[in-house]
Amino acid sequence: ASGRTHVTSVLGWFRQAPGKERVFVSAVTW
């Protein structure tokens, strides 16, 4: 990550398989 990261930021991982919707995998609070 670069730029303005705040204490309240949440970073999330998502994944998208062919022909599928983008779905949630995991997240962490900064």
Full PDB file with SEQRES, HELIX, SHEET, SSBOND, CRYST1, ORIGX, SCALE, CONECT and MASTER records, all heavy atoms in Angstrom:
SEQRES   1 A   30  ALA SER GLY ARG THR HIS VAL THR SER VAL LEU GLY TRP          
SEQRES   2 A   30  PHE ARG GLN ALA PRO GLY LYS GLU ARG VAL PHE VAL SER          
SEQRES   3 A   30  ALA VAL THR TRP                                              
SHEET    1 AA1 2 VAL A  10  ARG A  15  0                                        
SHEET    2 AA1 2 VAL A  23  THR A  29 -1                                        
CRYST1    1.000    1.000    1.000  90.00  90.00  90.00 P 1           1          
ORIGX1      1.000000  0.000000  0.000000        0.00000                         
ORIGX2      0.000000  1.000000  0.000000        0.00000                         
ORIGX3      0.000000  0.000000  1.000000        0.00000                         
SCALE1      1.000000  0.000000  0.000000        0.00000                         
SCALE2      0.000000  1.000000  0.000000        0.00000                         
SCALE3      0.000000  0.000000  1.000000        0.00000                         
ATOM      1  N   ALA A   1       0.828  -1.196   0.000  1.00  0.00           N  
ATOM      2  CA  ALA A   1       0.000   0.000   0.000  1.00  0.00           C  
ATOM      3  C   ALA A   1       0.864   1.248   0.000  1.00  0.00           C  
ATOM      4  O   ALA A   1       1.889   1.307   0.678  1.00  0.00           O  
ATOM      5  CB  ALA A   1      -0.929   0.018   1.210  1.00  0.00           C  
ATOM      6  N   SER A   2       0.437   2.247  -0.750  1.00  0.00           N  
ATOM      7  CA  SER A   2       1.090   3.549  -0.738  1.00  0.00           C  
ATOM      8  C   SER A   2       0.022   4.626  -0.679  1.00  0.00           C  
ATOM      9  O   SER A   2      -1.094   4.432  -1.153  1.00  0.00           O  
ATOM     10  CB  SER A   2       1.978   3.739  -1.961  1.00  0.00           C  
ATOM     11  OG  SER A   2       1.219   3.676  -3.161  1.00  0.00           O  
ATOM     12  N   GLY A   3       0.357   5.762  -0.083  1.00  0.00           N  
ATOM     13  CA  GLY A   3      -0.590   6.855   0.062  1.00  0.00           C  
ATOM     14  C   GLY A   3      -1.002   7.046   1.504  1.00  0.00           C  
ATOM     15  O   GLY A   3      -0.251   6.718   2.421  1.00  0.00           O  
ATOM     16  N   ARG A   4      -2.211   7.549   1.686  1.00  0.00           N  
ATOM     17  CA  ARG A   4      -2.688   7.922   3.018  1.00  0.00           C  
ATOM     18  C   ARG A   4      -3.441   6.777   3.673  1.00  0.00           C  
ATOM     19  O   ARG A   4      -4.637   6.576   3.430  1.00  0.00           O  
ATOM     20  CB  ARG A   4      -3.577   9.166   2.921  1.00  0.00           C  
ATOM     21  CG  ARG A   4      -2.906  10.360   2.252  1.00  0.00           C  
ATOM     22  CD  ARG A   4      -1.697  10.833   3.051  1.00  0.00           C  
ATOM     23  NE  ARG A   4      -1.043  11.966   2.414  1.00  0.00           N  
ATOM     24  CZ  ARG A   4      -0.070  11.886   1.514  1.00  0.00           C  
ATOM     25  NH1 ARG A   4       0.372  10.693   1.138  1.00  0.00           N  
ATOM     26  NH2 ARG A   4       0.455  12.974   0.989  1.00  0.00           N  
ATOM     27  N   THR A   5      -2.727   6.037   4.500  1.00  0.00           N  
ATOM     28  CA  THR A   5      -3.322   4.947   5.271  1.00  0.00           C  
ATOM     29  C   THR A   5      -3.683   5.450   6.664  1.00  0.00           C  
ATOM     30  O   THR A   5      -2.841   6.020   7.353  1.00  0.00           O  
ATOM     31  CB  THR A   5      -2.362   3.758   5.386  1.00  0.00           C  
ATOM     32  OG1 THR A   5      -1.964   3.337   4.077  1.00  0.00           O  
ATOM     33  CG2 THR A   5      -3.030   2.602   6.091  1.00  0.00           C  
ATOM     34  N   HIS A   6      -4.921   5.237   7.071  1.00  0.00           N  
ATOM     35  CA  HIS A   6      -5.417   5.732   8.346  1.00  0.00           C  
ATOM     36  C   HIS A   6      -5.591   4.598   9.342  1.00  0.00           C  
ATOM     37  O   HIS A   6      -5.727   3.431   8.956  1.00  0.00           O  
ATOM     38  CB  HIS A   6      -6.747   6.461   8.155  1.00  0.00           C  
ATOM     39  CG  HIS A   6      -6.674   7.627   7.234  1.00  0.00           C  
ATOM     40  ND1 HIS A   6      -6.204   8.849   7.642  1.00  0.00           N  
ATOM     41  CD2 HIS A   6      -7.005   7.751   5.928  1.00  0.00           C  
ATOM     42  CE1 HIS A   6      -6.249   9.690   6.617  1.00  0.00           C  
ATOM     43  NE2 HIS A   6      -6.733   9.046   5.573  1.00  0.00           N  
ATOM     44  N   VAL A   7      -5.627   4.963  10.615  1.00  0.00           N  
ATOM     45  CA  VAL A   7      -5.787   3.972  11.666  1.00  0.00           C  
ATOM     46  C   VAL A   7      -7.103   3.223  11.520  1.00  0.00           C  
ATOM     47  O   VAL A   7      -7.224   2.080  11.974  1.00  0.00           O  
ATOM     48  CB  VAL A   7      -5.684   4.632  13.059  1.00  0.00           C  
ATOM     49  CG1 VAL A   7      -6.874   5.544  13.318  1.00  0.00           C  
ATOM     50  CG2 VAL A   7      -5.558   3.585  14.153  1.00  0.00           C  
ATOM     51  N   THR A   8      -8.081   3.831  10.881  1.00  0.00           N  
ATOM     52  CA  THR A   8      -9.387   3.210  10.694  1.00  0.00           C  
ATOM     53  C   THR A   8      -9.489   2.392   9.405  1.00  0.00           C  
ATOM     54  O   THR A   8     -10.554   1.855   9.105  1.00  0.00           O  
ATOM     55  CB  THR A   8     -10.495   4.267  10.686  1.00  0.00           C  
ATOM     56  OG1 THR A   8     -10.225   5.246   9.676  1.00  0.00           O  
ATOM     57  CG2 THR A   8     -10.586   4.957  12.041  1.00  0.00           C  
ATOM     58  N   SER A   9      -8.403   2.276   8.653  1.00  0.00           N  
ATOM     59  CA  SER A   9      -8.434   1.538   7.397  1.00  0.00           C  
ATOM     60  C   SER A   9      -8.635   0.049   7.619  1.00  0.00           C  
ATOM     61  O   SER A   9      -8.172  -0.516   8.598  1.00  0.00           O  
ATOM     62  CB  SER A   9      -7.145   1.757   6.606  1.00  0.00           C  
ATOM     63  OG  SER A   9      -7.044   3.080   6.138  1.00  0.00           O  
ATOM     64  N   VAL A  10      -9.334  -0.571   6.668  1.00  0.00           N  
ATOM     65  CA  VAL A  10      -9.495  -2.018   6.617  1.00  0.00           C  
ATOM     66  C   VAL A  10      -8.954  -2.495   5.277  1.00  0.00           C  
ATOM     67  O   VAL A  10      -9.346  -1.982   4.228  1.00  0.00           O  
ATOM     68  CB  VAL A  10     -10.965  -2.435   6.771  1.00  0.00           C  
ATOM     69  CG1 VAL A  10     -11.124  -3.938   6.555  1.00  0.00           C  
ATOM     70  CG2 VAL A  10     -11.494  -2.023   8.134  1.00  0.00           C  
ATOM     71  N   LEU A  11      -8.064  -3.463   5.312  1.00  0.00           N  
ATOM     72  CA  LEU A  11      -7.513  -4.051   4.101  1.00  0.00           C  
ATOM     73  C   LEU A  11      -8.140  -5.423   3.901  1.00  0.00           C  
ATOM     74  O   LEU A  11      -8.109  -6.253   4.812  1.00  0.00           O  
ATOM     75  CB  LEU A  11      -5.996  -4.167   4.183  1.00  0.00           C  
ATOM     76  CG  LEU A  11      -5.157  -2.916   3.852  1.00  0.00           C  
ATOM     77  CD1 LEU A  11      -5.397  -2.491   2.413  1.00  0.00           C  
ATOM     78  CD2 LEU A  11      -5.455  -1.767   4.800  1.00  0.00           C  
ATOM     79  N   GLY A  12      -8.706  -5.645   2.729  1.00  0.00           N  
ATOM     80  CA  GLY A  12      -9.410  -6.880   2.450  1.00  0.00           C  
ATOM     81  C   GLY A  12      -8.855  -7.609   1.247  1.00  0.00           C  
ATOM     82  O   GLY A  12      -8.332  -6.997   0.315  1.00  0.00           O  
ATOM     83  N   TRP A  13      -8.963  -8.936   1.284  1.00  0.00           N  
ATOM     84  CA  TRP A  13      -8.650  -9.798   0.149  1.00  0.00           C  
ATOM     85  C   TRP A  13      -9.946 -10.374  -0.405  1.00  0.00           C  
ATOM     86  O   TRP A  13     -10.779 -10.883   0.349  1.00  0.00           O  
ATOM     87  CB  TRP A  13      -7.722 -10.942   0.556  1.00  0.00           C  
ATOM     88  CG  TRP A  13      -6.300 -10.546   0.781  1.00  0.00           C  
ATOM     89  CD1 TRP A  13      -5.692 -10.306   1.969  1.00  0.00           C  
ATOM     90  CD2 TRP A  13      -5.300 -10.369  -0.231  1.00  0.00           C  
ATOM     91  NE1 TRP A  13      -4.368  -9.991   1.767  1.00  0.00           N  
ATOM     92  CE2 TRP A  13      -4.102 -10.019   0.429  1.00  0.00           C  
ATOM     93  CE3 TRP A  13      -5.301 -10.474  -1.624  1.00  0.00           C  
ATOM     94  CZ2 TRP A  13      -2.915  -9.769  -0.265  1.00  0.00           C  
ATOM     95  CZ3 TRP A  13      -4.124 -10.222  -2.305  1.00  0.00           C  
ATOM     96  CH2 TRP A  13      -2.950  -9.879  -1.629  1.00  0.00           C  
ATOM     97  N   PHE A  14     -10.087 -10.286  -1.722  1.00  0.00           N  
ATOM     98  CA  PHE A  14     -11.201 -10.873  -2.446  1.00  0.00           C  
ATOM     99  C   PHE A  14     -10.652 -11.742  -3.561  1.00  0.00           C  
ATOM    100  O   PHE A  14      -9.489 -11.617  -3.946  1.00  0.00           O  
ATOM    101  CB  PHE A  14     -12.107  -9.788  -3.032  1.00  0.00           C  
ATOM    102  CG  PHE A  14     -12.892  -9.020  -2.010  1.00  0.00           C  
ATOM    103  CD1 PHE A  14     -12.278  -8.107  -1.174  1.00  0.00           C  
ATOM    104  CD2 PHE A  14     -14.260  -9.210  -1.892  1.00  0.00           C  
ATOM    105  CE1 PHE A  14     -12.997  -7.396  -0.235  1.00  0.00           C  
ATOM    106  CE2 PHE A  14     -14.995  -8.503  -0.954  1.00  0.00           C  
ATOM    107  CZ  PHE A  14     -14.363  -7.597  -0.126  1.00  0.00           C  
ATOM    108  N   ARG A  15     -11.496 -12.626  -4.093  1.00  0.00           N  
ATOM    109  CA  ARG A  15     -11.066 -13.425  -5.233  1.00  0.00           C  
ATOM    110  C   ARG A  15     -12.212 -13.569  -6.222  1.00  0.00           C  
ATOM    111  O   ARG A  15     -13.380 -13.498  -5.866  1.00  0.00           O  
ATOM    112  CB  ARG A  15     -10.554 -14.796  -4.792  1.00  0.00           C  
ATOM    113  CG  ARG A  15     -11.595 -15.705  -4.149  1.00  0.00           C  
ATOM    114  CD  ARG A  15     -10.905 -16.925  -3.547  1.00  0.00           C  
ATOM    115  NE  ARG A  15     -11.844 -17.886  -2.994  1.00  0.00           N  
ATOM    116  CZ  ARG A  15     -11.491 -18.949  -2.285  1.00  0.00           C  
ATOM    117  NH1 ARG A  15     -10.205 -19.190  -2.048  1.00  0.00           N  
ATOM    118  NH2 ARG A  15     -12.420 -19.779  -1.820  1.00  0.00           N  
ATOM    119  N   GLN A  16     -11.835 -13.767  -7.480  1.00  0.00           N  
ATOM    120  CA  GLN A  16     -12.817 -13.897  -8.548  1.00  0.00           C  
ATOM    121  C   GLN A  16     -12.377 -14.985  -9.513  1.00  0.00           C  
ATOM    122  O   GLN A  16     -11.335 -14.864 -10.156  1.00  0.00           O  
ATOM    123  CB  GLN A  16     -13.003 -12.569  -9.279  1.00  0.00           C  
ATOM    124  CG  GLN A  16     -14.141 -12.564 -10.271  1.00  0.00           C  
ATOM    125  CD  GLN A  16     -14.496 -11.164 -10.734  1.00  0.00           C  
ATOM    126  OE1 GLN A  16     -13.721 -10.229 -10.583  1.00  0.00           O  
ATOM    127  NE2 GLN A  16     -15.679 -11.014 -11.302  1.00  0.00           N  
ATOM    128  N   ALA A  17     -13.168 -16.037  -9.595  1.00  0.00           N  
ATOM    129  CA  ALA A  17     -12.928 -17.120 -10.529  1.00  0.00           C  
ATOM    130  C   ALA A  17     -13.657 -16.833 -11.832  1.00  0.00           C  
ATOM    131  O   ALA A  17     -14.620 -16.059 -11.857  1.00  0.00           O  
ATOM    132  CB  ALA A  17     -13.395 -18.443  -9.935  1.00  0.00           C  
ATOM    133  N   PRO A  18     -13.240 -17.450 -12.942  1.00  0.00           N  
ATOM    134  CA  PRO A  18     -13.904 -17.215 -14.227  1.00  0.00           C  
ATOM    135  C   PRO A  18     -15.408 -17.471 -14.155  1.00  0.00           C  
ATOM    136  O   PRO A  18     -15.842 -18.509 -13.657  1.00  0.00           O  
ATOM    137  CB  PRO A  18     -13.222 -18.216 -15.153  1.00  0.00           C  
ATOM    138  CG  PRO A  18     -11.867 -18.412 -14.555  1.00  0.00           C  
ATOM    139  CD  PRO A  18     -12.094 -18.355 -13.074  1.00  0.00           C  
ATOM    140  N   GLY A  19     -16.188 -16.510 -14.628  1.00  0.00           N  
ATOM    141  CA  GLY A  19     -17.628 -16.640 -14.644  1.00  0.00           C  
ATOM    142  C   GLY A  19     -18.302 -16.469 -13.295  1.00  0.00           C  
ATOM    143  O   GLY A  19     -19.511 -16.693 -13.184  1.00  0.00           O  
ATOM    144  N   LYS A  20     -17.549 -16.072 -12.275  1.00  0.00           N  
ATOM    145  CA  LYS A  20     -18.088 -15.934 -10.928  1.00  0.00           C  
ATOM    146  C   LYS A  20     -18.008 -14.495 -10.444  1.00  0.00           C  
ATOM    147  O   LYS A  20     -17.273 -13.678 -10.989  1.00  0.00           O  
ATOM    148  CB  LYS A  20     -17.319 -16.831  -9.950  1.00  0.00           C  
ATOM    149  CG  LYS A  20     -17.326 -18.306 -10.297  1.00  0.00           C  
ATOM    150  CD  LYS A  20     -18.686 -18.926 -10.080  1.00  0.00           C  
ATOM    151  CE  LYS A  20     -18.627 -20.432 -10.266  1.00  0.00           C  
ATOM    152  NZ  LYS A  20     -19.937 -21.062 -10.008  1.00  0.00           N  
ATOM    153  N   GLU A  21     -18.780 -14.193  -9.403  1.00  0.00           N  
ATOM    154  CA  GLU A  21     -18.716 -12.891  -8.757  1.00  0.00           C  
ATOM    155  C   GLU A  21     -17.455 -12.780  -7.919  1.00  0.00           C  
ATOM    156  O   GLU A  21     -16.889 -13.782  -7.486  1.00  0.00           O  
ATOM    157  CB  GLU A  21     -19.938 -12.687  -7.861  1.00  0.00           C  
ATOM    158  CG  GLU A  21     -21.269 -12.667  -8.579  1.00  0.00           C  
ATOM    159  CD  GLU A  21     -21.502 -11.368  -9.302  1.00  0.00           C  
ATOM    160  OE1 GLU A  21     -21.026 -10.323  -8.820  1.00  0.00           O  
ATOM    161  OE2 GLU A  21     -22.160 -11.390 -10.352  1.00  0.00           O  
ATOM    162  N   ARG A  22     -17.016 -11.546  -7.684  1.00  0.00           N  
ATOM    163  CA  ARG A  22     -15.916 -11.306  -6.768  1.00  0.00           C  
ATOM    164  C   ARG A  22     -16.415 -11.541  -5.343  1.00  0.00           C  
ATOM    165  O   ARG A  22     -17.424 -10.957  -4.931  1.00  0.00           O  
ATOM    166  CB  ARG A  22     -15.389  -9.880  -6.919  1.00  0.00           C  
ATOM    167  CG  ARG A  22     -14.135  -9.604  -6.098  1.00  0.00           C  
ATOM    168  CD  ARG A  22     -13.528  -8.247  -6.428  1.00  0.00           C  
ATOM    169  NE  ARG A  22     -13.103  -8.165  -7.821  1.00  0.00           N  
ATOM    170  CZ  ARG A  22     -12.404  -7.166  -8.338  1.00  0.00           C  
ATOM    171  NH1 ARG A  22     -12.022  -6.150  -7.557  1.00  0.00           N  
ATOM    172  NH2 ARG A  22     -12.086  -7.170  -9.619  1.00  0.00           N  
ATOM    173  N   VAL A  23     -15.728 -12.402  -4.603  1.00  0.00           N  
ATOM    174  CA  VAL A  23     -16.182 -12.792  -3.274  1.00  0.00           C  
ATOM    175  C   VAL A  23     -15.123 -12.515  -2.219  1.00  0.00           C  
ATOM    176  O   VAL A  23     -13.923 -12.527  -2.488  1.00  0.00           O  
ATOM    177  CB  VAL A  23     -16.593 -14.280  -3.209  1.00  0.00           C  
ATOM    178  CG1 VAL A  23     -17.760 -14.550  -4.140  1.00  0.00           C  
ATOM    179  CG2 VAL A  23     -15.419 -15.183  -3.546  1.00  0.00           C  
ATOM    180  N   PHE A  24     -15.595 -12.299  -1.017  1.00  0.00           N  
ATOM    181  CA  PHE A  24     -14.743 -11.981   0.114  1.00  0.00           C  
ATOM    182  C   PHE A  24     -13.913 -13.174   0.549  1.00  0.00           C  
ATOM    183  O   PHE A  24     -14.400 -14.305   0.568  1.00  0.00           O  
ATOM    184  CB  PHE A  24     -15.623 -11.506   1.277  1.00  0.00           C  
ATOM    185  CG  PHE A  24     -14.888 -11.281   2.562  1.00  0.00           C  
ATOM    186  CD1 PHE A  24     -14.132 -10.133   2.747  1.00  0.00           C  
ATOM    187  CD2 PHE A  24     -14.955 -12.199   3.589  1.00  0.00           C  
ATOM    188  CE1 PHE A  24     -13.457  -9.911   3.930  1.00  0.00           C  
ATOM    189  CE2 PHE A  24     -14.287 -11.993   4.776  1.00  0.00           C  
ATOM    190  CZ  PHE A  24     -13.538 -10.838   4.943  1.00  0.00           C  
ATOM    191  N   VAL A  25     -12.664 -12.906   0.918  1.00  0.00           N  
ATOM    192  CA  VAL A  25     -11.775 -13.936   1.437  1.00  0.00           C  
ATOM    193  C   VAL A  25     -11.385 -13.638   2.884  1.00  0.00           C  
ATOM    194  O   VAL A  25     -11.581 -14.463   3.778  1.00  0.00           O  
ATOM    195  CB  VAL A  25     -10.503 -14.078   0.583  1.00  0.00           C  
ATOM    196  CG1 VAL A  25      -9.538 -15.082   1.210  1.00  0.00           C  
ATOM    197  CG2 VAL A  25     -10.861 -14.492  -0.839  1.00  0.00           C  
ATOM    198  N   SER A  26     -10.826 -12.447   3.114  1.00  0.00           N  
ATOM    199  CA  SER A  26     -10.334 -12.106   4.441  1.00  0.00           C  
ATOM    200  C   SER A  26     -10.131 -10.606   4.541  1.00  0.00           C  
ATOM    201  O   SER A  26     -10.019  -9.915   3.531  1.00  0.00           O  
ATOM    202  CB  SER A  26      -9.012 -12.840   4.717  1.00  0.00           C  
ATOM    203  OG  SER A  26      -8.577 -12.639   6.046  1.00  0.00           O  
ATOM    204  N   ALA A  27     -10.072 -10.094   5.773  1.00  0.00           N  
ATOM    205  CA  ALA A  27      -9.816  -8.676   6.004  1.00  0.00           C  
ATOM    206  C   ALA A  27      -9.119  -8.485   7.337  1.00  0.00           C  
ATOM    207  O   ALA A  27      -9.250  -9.311   8.244  1.00  0.00           O  
ATOM    208  CB  ALA A  27     -11.113  -7.870   5.974  1.00  0.00           C  
ATOM    209  N   VAL A  28      -8.391  -7.380   7.452  1.00  0.00           N  
ATOM    210  CA  VAL A  28      -7.699  -7.033   8.684  1.00  0.00           C  
ATOM    211  C   VAL A  28      -7.803  -5.529   8.908  1.00  0.00           C  
ATOM    212  O   VAL A  28      -7.702  -4.748   7.955  1.00  0.00           O  
ATOM    213  CB  VAL A  28      -6.219  -7.490   8.650  1.00  0.00           C  
ATOM    214  CG1 VAL A  28      -5.450  -6.793   7.528  1.00  0.00           C  
ATOM    215  CG2 VAL A  28      -5.535  -7.233   9.993  1.00  0.00           C  
ATOM    216  N   THR A  29      -8.010  -5.111  10.154  1.00  0.00           N  
ATOM    217  CA  THR A  29      -7.997  -3.687  10.473  1.00  0.00           C  
ATOM    218  C   THR A  29      -6.563  -3.227  10.642  1.00  0.00           C  
ATOM    219  O   THR A  29      -5.751  -3.897  11.285  1.00  0.00           O  
ATOM    220  CB  THR A  29      -8.797  -3.386  11.753  1.00  0.00           C  
ATOM    221  OG1 THR A  29      -8.213  -4.073  12.873  1.00  0.00           O  
ATOM    222  CG2 THR A  29     -10.244  -3.817  11.603  1.00  0.00           C  
ATOM    223  N   TRP A  30      -6.249  -2.083  10.035  1.00  0.00           N  
ATOM    224  CA  TRP A  30      -4.882  -1.587  10.060  1.00  0.00           C  
ATOM    225  C   TRP A  30      -4.444  -1.215  11.463  1.00  0.00           C  
ATOM    226  O   TRP A  30      -3.330  -1.505  11.873  1.00  0.00           O  
ATOM    227  CB  TRP A  30      -4.734  -0.385   9.125  1.00  0.00           C  
ATOM    228  CG  TRP A  30      -3.319  -0.021   8.860  1.00  0.00           C  
ATOM    229  CD1 TRP A  30      -2.658   1.083   9.316  1.00  0.00           C  
ATOM    230  CD2 TRP A  30      -2.374  -0.763   8.092  1.00  0.00           C  
ATOM    231  NE1 TRP A  30      -1.365   1.079   8.872  1.00  0.00           N  
ATOM    232  CE2 TRP A  30      -1.163  -0.051   8.118  1.00  0.00           C  
ATOM    233  CE3 TRP A  30      -2.439  -1.961   7.375  1.00  0.00           C  
ATOM    234  CZ2 TRP A  30      -0.021  -0.494   7.465  1.00  0.00           C  
ATOM    235  CZ3 TRP A  30      -1.302  -2.409   6.731  1.00  0.00           C  
ATOM    236  CH2 TRP A  30      -0.117  -1.682   6.778  1.00  0.00           C  
TER     237      TRP A  30                                                      
MASTER        0    0    0    0    2    0    0    6  236    1    0    3          
END                                                                             
